[in-house]
């Protein structure tokens, strides 16, 4: 039995990796919004913070009514209770990763958790 899972992600509008990678501590999704499109709902979470990184393109996220511009290379963390909605720029698609984890669940960092 292998100690890893591997998956190849295509350019679907949304790919959730929970099942494909047998994730046990996080949910990860790859998202693509075409130019001018948006996630069709505003949402928040009960327990999970979300960490986003923009792989390509540009757009914005509206968090609790505040508009935050996004571009390739940006990272942003959003608290569970914050209401959020993502938008692609009118002239450019946006592709981003969302990592969802339980807020305050990290017990150790890489240097303290590594076994050498």
N, C-alpha and C. Protein backbone atom coordinates (compact mmCIF):
# COMPACT_ATOMS: atom_id res chain seq x y z
N UNK A 1 0.85 -1.19 0.00
CA UNK A 1 0.00 0.00 0.00
C UNK A 1 0.88 1.24 0.00
N UNK A 2 0.63 2.13 -0.90
CA UNK A 2 1.42 3.36 -1.03
C UNK A 2 1.04 4.36 0.06
N UNK A 3 2.00 5.15 0.47
CA UNK A 3 1.78 6.21 1.44
C UNK A 3 1.51 7.55 0.77
N UNK A 4 0.96 7.51 -0.42
CA UNK A 4 0.63 8.74 -1.14
C UNK A 4 -0.50 8.47 -2.12
N UNK A 5 -1.14 9.56 -2.54
CA UNK A 5 -2.14 9.54 -3.61
C UNK A 5 -1.76 10.63 -4.58
N UNK A 6 -2.01 10.41 -5.85
CA UNK A 6 -1.68 11.39 -6.89
C UNK A 6 -2.88 11.55 -7.79
N UNK A 7 -3.12 12.79 -8.21
CA UNK A 7 -4.21 13.07 -9.14
C UNK A 7 -3.74 14.17 -10.09
N UNK A 8 -4.24 14.15 -11.31
CA UNK A 8 -3.96 15.20 -12.27
C UNK A 8 -5.20 16.05 -12.41
N UNK A 9 -5.04 17.35 -12.26
CA UNK A 9 -6.18 18.27 -12.31
C UNK A 9 -6.24 18.90 -13.69
N UNK A 10 -7.40 18.82 -14.31
CA UNK A 10 -7.61 19.43 -15.62
C UNK A 10 -8.13 20.85 -15.43
N UNK A 11 -8.68 21.41 -16.45
CA UNK A 11 -9.16 22.80 -16.38
C UNK A 11 -10.66 22.89 -16.13
N UNK A 12 -11.21 21.95 -15.36
CA UNK A 12 -12.63 22.02 -15.01
C UNK A 12 -12.90 23.30 -14.21
N UNK A 13 -14.16 23.69 -14.16
CA UNK A 13 -14.54 24.88 -13.41
C UNK A 13 -14.19 24.73 -11.93
N UNK A 14 -14.36 23.54 -11.38
CA UNK A 14 -14.02 23.29 -9.97
C UNK A 14 -13.66 21.82 -9.79
N UNK A 15 -12.55 21.58 -9.14
CA UNK A 15 -12.14 20.23 -8.81
C UNK A 15 -11.87 20.17 -7.32
N UNK A 16 -12.58 19.31 -6.60
CA UNK A 16 -12.34 19.11 -5.18
C UNK A 16 -11.47 17.87 -5.01
N UNK A 17 -10.44 17.99 -4.19
CA UNK A 17 -9.45 16.93 -4.07
C UNK A 17 -9.63 16.03 -2.85
N UNK A 18 -10.63 16.30 -2.04
CA UNK A 18 -10.83 15.54 -0.81
C UNK A 18 -10.85 14.04 -1.05
N UNK A 19 -11.72 13.59 -1.94
CA UNK A 19 -11.86 12.15 -2.18
C UNK A 19 -10.68 11.59 -2.99
N UNK A 20 -10.28 12.31 -4.05
CA UNK A 20 -9.22 11.80 -4.92
C UNK A 20 -7.89 11.62 -4.20
N UNK A 21 -7.61 12.48 -3.21
CA UNK A 21 -6.35 12.38 -2.48
C UNK A 21 -6.51 11.77 -1.08
N UNK A 22 -7.74 11.36 -0.73
CA UNK A 22 -8.03 10.81 0.59
C UNK A 22 -7.55 11.74 1.70
N UNK A 23 -7.89 13.02 1.57
CA UNK A 23 -7.46 14.01 2.55
C UNK A 23 -8.16 13.78 3.88
N UNK A 24 -7.44 13.98 4.98
CA UNK A 24 -8.00 13.77 6.31
C UNK A 24 -7.93 15.02 7.19
N UNK A 25 -7.23 16.05 6.76
CA UNK A 25 -7.10 17.24 7.59
C UNK A 25 -7.39 18.53 6.87
N UNK A 26 -7.73 18.46 5.60
CA UNK A 26 -7.97 19.67 4.82
C UNK A 26 -8.85 19.33 3.63
N UNK A 27 -9.48 20.35 3.09
CA UNK A 27 -10.16 20.24 1.79
C UNK A 27 -9.43 21.20 0.86
N UNK A 28 -9.14 20.76 -0.34
CA UNK A 28 -8.47 21.59 -1.33
C UNK A 28 -9.28 21.54 -2.60
N UNK A 29 -9.50 22.70 -3.18
CA UNK A 29 -10.19 22.75 -4.48
C UNK A 29 -9.41 23.65 -5.42
N UNK A 30 -9.49 23.32 -6.70
CA UNK A 30 -8.91 24.13 -7.77
C UNK A 30 -10.11 24.72 -8.50
N UNK A 31 -10.10 26.04 -8.67
CA UNK A 31 -11.26 26.75 -9.21
C UNK A 31 -10.87 27.60 -10.41
N UNK A 32 -11.76 27.67 -11.38
CA UNK A 32 -11.54 28.49 -12.57
C UNK A 32 -12.81 29.27 -12.89
N UNK A 33 -12.66 30.59 -12.93
CA UNK A 33 -13.77 31.45 -13.34
C UNK A 33 -13.39 32.14 -14.64
N UNK A 34 -14.21 32.01 -15.68
CA UNK A 34 -13.92 32.72 -16.93
C UNK A 34 -14.06 34.24 -16.74
N UNK A 35 -13.50 34.99 -17.65
CA UNK A 35 -13.59 36.46 -17.59
C UNK A 35 -15.04 36.88 -17.40
N UNK A 36 -15.26 37.78 -16.44
CA UNK A 36 -16.59 38.32 -16.18
C UNK A 36 -17.48 37.46 -15.31
N UNK A 37 -17.03 36.27 -14.94
CA UNK A 37 -17.86 35.36 -14.15
C UNK A 37 -17.59 35.53 -12.65
N UNK A 38 -18.47 34.95 -11.85
CA UNK A 38 -18.27 34.98 -10.40
C UNK A 38 -18.79 33.68 -9.80
N UNK A 39 -18.37 33.40 -8.57
CA UNK A 39 -18.98 32.32 -7.81
C UNK A 39 -20.41 32.78 -7.56
N UNK A 40 -21.42 31.97 -7.86
CA UNK A 40 -22.80 32.45 -7.86
C UNK A 40 -23.46 32.57 -6.48
N UNK A 41 -22.66 32.60 -5.43
CA UNK A 41 -23.24 32.73 -4.09
C UNK A 41 -22.22 33.34 -3.13
N UNK A 42 -22.73 33.96 -2.09
CA UNK A 42 -21.91 34.46 -0.99
C UNK A 42 -21.94 33.37 0.07
N UNK A 43 -20.79 33.11 0.70
CA UNK A 43 -20.79 32.08 1.72
C UNK A 43 -19.82 32.40 2.86
N UNK A 44 -20.02 31.72 3.97
CA UNK A 44 -19.14 31.75 5.13
C UNK A 44 -19.04 30.31 5.62
N UNK A 45 -18.32 30.10 6.71
CA UNK A 45 -18.18 28.75 7.26
C UNK A 45 -18.43 28.76 8.75
N UNK A 46 -18.73 27.59 9.29
CA UNK A 46 -18.94 27.45 10.73
C UNK A 46 -17.61 27.35 11.46
N UNK A 47 -16.67 26.53 10.93
CA UNK A 47 -15.43 26.23 11.64
C UNK A 47 -14.17 26.41 10.82
N UNK A 48 -14.27 26.40 9.50
CA UNK A 48 -13.09 26.33 8.66
C UNK A 48 -12.65 27.67 8.09
N UNK A 49 -11.36 27.97 8.27
CA UNK A 49 -10.77 29.11 7.58
C UNK A 49 -10.40 28.64 6.17
N UNK A 50 -10.27 29.59 5.27
CA UNK A 50 -9.87 29.26 3.90
C UNK A 50 -8.63 30.06 3.54
N UNK A 51 -7.70 29.39 2.88
CA UNK A 51 -6.49 30.02 2.37
C UNK A 51 -6.55 29.88 0.86
N UNK A 52 -6.45 31.00 0.16
CA UNK A 52 -6.53 31.02 -1.30
C UNK A 52 -5.20 31.48 -1.88
N UNK A 53 -4.84 30.92 -3.03
CA UNK A 53 -3.74 31.46 -3.82
C UNK A 53 -4.20 31.55 -5.27
N UNK A 54 -3.82 32.63 -5.91
CA UNK A 54 -4.19 32.85 -7.31
C UNK A 54 -3.09 32.27 -8.20
N UNK A 55 -3.44 31.26 -8.99
CA UNK A 55 -2.49 30.62 -9.90
C UNK A 55 -2.29 31.42 -11.17
N UNK A 56 -3.37 32.02 -11.66
CA UNK A 56 -3.27 32.82 -12.88
C UNK A 56 -4.47 33.76 -12.97
N UNK A 57 -4.27 34.84 -13.71
CA UNK A 57 -5.34 35.78 -13.96
C UNK A 57 -5.48 36.83 -12.88
N UNK A 58 -6.65 37.45 -12.88
CA UNK A 58 -6.93 38.48 -11.88
C UNK A 58 -8.42 38.56 -11.64
N UNK A 59 -8.77 39.21 -10.55
CA UNK A 59 -10.16 39.36 -10.18
C UNK A 59 -10.24 40.04 -8.83
N UNK A 60 -11.26 39.69 -8.07
CA UNK A 60 -11.42 40.25 -6.73
C UNK A 60 -12.23 39.30 -5.89
N UNK A 61 -12.12 39.50 -4.58
CA UNK A 61 -12.98 38.83 -3.63
C UNK A 61 -13.62 39.92 -2.79
N UNK A 62 -14.91 39.79 -2.54
CA UNK A 62 -15.61 40.72 -1.65
C UNK A 62 -15.78 39.99 -0.32
N UNK A 63 -15.17 40.56 0.73
CA UNK A 63 -15.18 39.97 2.06
C UNK A 63 -15.90 40.93 3.00
N UNK A 64 -17.02 40.50 3.54
CA UNK A 64 -17.82 41.36 4.43
C UNK A 64 -18.03 42.75 3.84
N UNK A 65 -18.29 42.79 2.54
CA UNK A 65 -18.57 44.05 1.85
C UNK A 65 -17.34 44.80 1.37
N UNK A 66 -16.14 44.35 1.73
CA UNK A 66 -14.90 45.02 1.29
C UNK A 66 -14.33 44.30 0.07
N UNK A 67 -14.05 45.05 -0.99
CA UNK A 67 -13.51 44.48 -2.21
C UNK A 67 -11.98 44.43 -2.14
N UNK A 68 -11.42 43.24 -2.38
CA UNK A 68 -9.97 43.04 -2.34
C UNK A 68 -9.53 42.54 -3.71
N UNK A 69 -8.68 43.32 -4.39
CA UNK A 69 -8.18 42.92 -5.71
C UNK A 69 -7.24 41.73 -5.58
N UNK A 70 -7.29 40.84 -6.58
CA UNK A 70 -6.45 39.65 -6.61
C UNK A 70 -5.74 39.55 -7.95
N UNK A 71 -4.51 39.06 -7.91
CA UNK A 71 -3.74 38.82 -9.14
C UNK A 71 -2.83 37.60 -8.93
N UNK A 72 -2.26 37.10 -10.00
CA UNK A 72 -1.38 35.95 -9.94
C UNK A 72 -0.33 36.13 -8.84
N UNK A 73 -0.18 35.11 -8.04
CA UNK A 73 0.81 35.11 -6.96
C UNK A 73 0.27 35.55 -5.61
N UNK A 74 -0.93 36.13 -5.56
CA UNK A 74 -1.50 36.58 -4.29
C UNK A 74 -1.95 35.38 -3.45
N UNK A 75 -1.81 35.54 -2.14
CA UNK A 75 -2.33 34.61 -1.14
C UNK A 75 -3.22 35.40 -0.21
N UNK A 76 -4.31 34.81 0.27
CA UNK A 76 -5.20 35.48 1.21
C UNK A 76 -5.84 34.43 2.11
N UNK A 77 -5.91 34.74 3.41
CA UNK A 77 -6.59 33.88 4.38
C UNK A 77 -7.87 34.57 4.79
N UNK A 78 -8.96 33.81 4.88
CA UNK A 78 -10.26 34.37 5.26
C UNK A 78 -10.81 33.60 6.45
N UNK A 79 -11.17 34.33 7.50
CA UNK A 79 -11.74 33.74 8.72
C UNK A 79 -13.05 33.04 8.41
N UNK A 80 -13.41 32.03 9.19
CA UNK A 80 -14.64 31.28 8.92
C UNK A 80 -15.89 32.15 8.80
N UNK A 81 -16.10 33.07 9.72
CA UNK A 81 -17.35 33.84 9.76
C UNK A 81 -17.47 34.90 8.67
N UNK A 82 -16.36 35.24 8.03
CA UNK A 82 -16.39 36.28 7.00
C UNK A 82 -17.21 35.81 5.80
N UNK A 83 -18.08 36.67 5.31
CA UNK A 83 -18.87 36.37 4.12
C UNK A 83 -18.04 36.75 2.90
N UNK A 84 -17.95 35.83 1.93
CA UNK A 84 -17.06 36.02 0.78
C UNK A 84 -17.71 35.62 -0.53
N UNK A 85 -17.25 36.28 -1.61
CA UNK A 85 -17.67 35.93 -2.96
C UNK A 85 -16.55 36.32 -3.91
N UNK A 86 -16.21 35.43 -4.84
CA UNK A 86 -15.10 35.63 -5.77
C UNK A 86 -15.59 36.01 -7.16
N UNK A 87 -14.83 36.90 -7.82
CA UNK A 87 -15.15 37.40 -9.14
C UNK A 87 -13.91 37.38 -10.02
N UNK A 88 -14.05 36.99 -11.28
CA UNK A 88 -12.98 37.16 -12.26
C UNK A 88 -13.07 38.59 -12.80
N UNK A 89 -11.95 39.12 -13.27
CA UNK A 89 -11.97 40.43 -13.91
C UNK A 89 -12.82 40.35 -15.17
N UNK A 90 -13.32 41.48 -15.60
CA UNK A 90 -14.17 41.52 -16.81
C UNK A 90 -13.43 41.02 -18.05
N UNK A 91 -12.11 41.24 -18.09
CA UNK A 91 -11.34 40.91 -19.29
C UNK A 91 -10.38 39.74 -19.12
N UNK A 92 -10.36 39.12 -17.94
CA UNK A 92 -9.39 38.06 -17.67
C UNK A 92 -9.98 36.99 -16.77
N UNK A 93 -9.75 35.74 -17.10
CA UNK A 93 -10.16 34.63 -16.24
C UNK A 93 -9.28 34.61 -14.99
N UNK A 94 -9.72 33.89 -13.97
CA UNK A 94 -8.92 33.70 -12.77
C UNK A 94 -8.95 32.22 -12.40
N UNK A 95 -7.79 31.69 -12.02
CA UNK A 95 -7.66 30.30 -11.57
C UNK A 95 -7.02 30.35 -10.19
N UNK A 96 -7.69 29.73 -9.21
CA UNK A 96 -7.18 29.81 -7.84
C UNK A 96 -7.38 28.50 -7.10
N UNK A 97 -6.57 28.33 -6.07
CA UNK A 97 -6.65 27.17 -5.18
C UNK A 97 -7.26 27.64 -3.87
N UNK A 98 -8.14 26.84 -3.31
CA UNK A 98 -8.69 27.09 -1.98
C UNK A 98 -8.32 25.91 -1.08
N UNK A 99 -7.67 26.23 0.05
CA UNK A 99 -7.32 25.23 1.06
C UNK A 99 -8.19 25.54 2.27
N UNK A 100 -8.98 24.58 2.68
CA UNK A 100 -9.91 24.78 3.79
C UNK A 100 -9.48 23.89 4.95
N UNK A 101 -9.27 24.51 6.12
CA UNK A 101 -8.84 23.78 7.31
C UNK A 101 -9.57 24.32 8.53
N UNK A 102 -9.69 23.51 9.55
CA UNK A 102 -10.34 23.95 10.78
C UNK A 102 -9.49 25.04 11.44
N UNK A 103 -10.13 26.15 11.74
CA UNK A 103 -9.42 27.27 12.37
C UNK A 103 -8.82 26.82 13.70
N UNK A 104 -7.59 27.28 13.96
CA UNK A 104 -6.85 26.99 15.20
C UNK A 104 -6.53 25.52 15.41
N UNK A 105 -6.47 24.72 14.34
CA UNK A 105 -6.20 23.29 14.49
C UNK A 105 -4.72 22.94 14.31
N UNK A 106 -3.90 23.86 13.84
CA UNK A 106 -2.49 23.56 13.60
C UNK A 106 -1.76 23.45 14.93
N UNK A 107 -1.24 22.27 15.23
CA UNK A 107 -0.59 22.04 16.51
C UNK A 107 0.92 22.19 16.45
N UNK A 108 1.51 21.98 15.27
CA UNK A 108 2.95 22.16 15.14
C UNK A 108 3.27 22.56 13.71
N UNK A 109 4.43 23.16 13.54
CA UNK A 109 4.87 23.64 12.23
C UNK A 109 5.89 22.66 11.66
N UNK A 110 6.28 22.90 10.43
CA UNK A 110 7.18 21.99 9.72
C UNK A 110 8.41 21.63 10.54
N UNK A 111 9.14 22.63 11.06
CA UNK A 111 10.40 22.33 11.77
C UNK A 111 10.15 21.54 13.05
N UNK A 112 8.98 21.71 13.69
CA UNK A 112 8.69 20.96 14.92
C UNK A 112 8.06 19.60 14.65
N UNK A 113 7.48 19.42 13.47
CA UNK A 113 6.78 18.18 13.16
C UNK A 113 7.61 17.22 12.33
N UNK A 114 8.69 17.70 11.72
CA UNK A 114 9.50 16.87 10.84
C UNK A 114 10.30 15.82 11.62
N UNK A 115 10.45 14.66 11.02
CA UNK A 115 11.30 13.61 11.57
C UNK A 115 12.44 13.42 10.60
N UNK A 116 13.65 13.68 11.06
CA UNK A 116 14.83 13.57 10.19
C UNK A 116 15.64 12.35 10.56
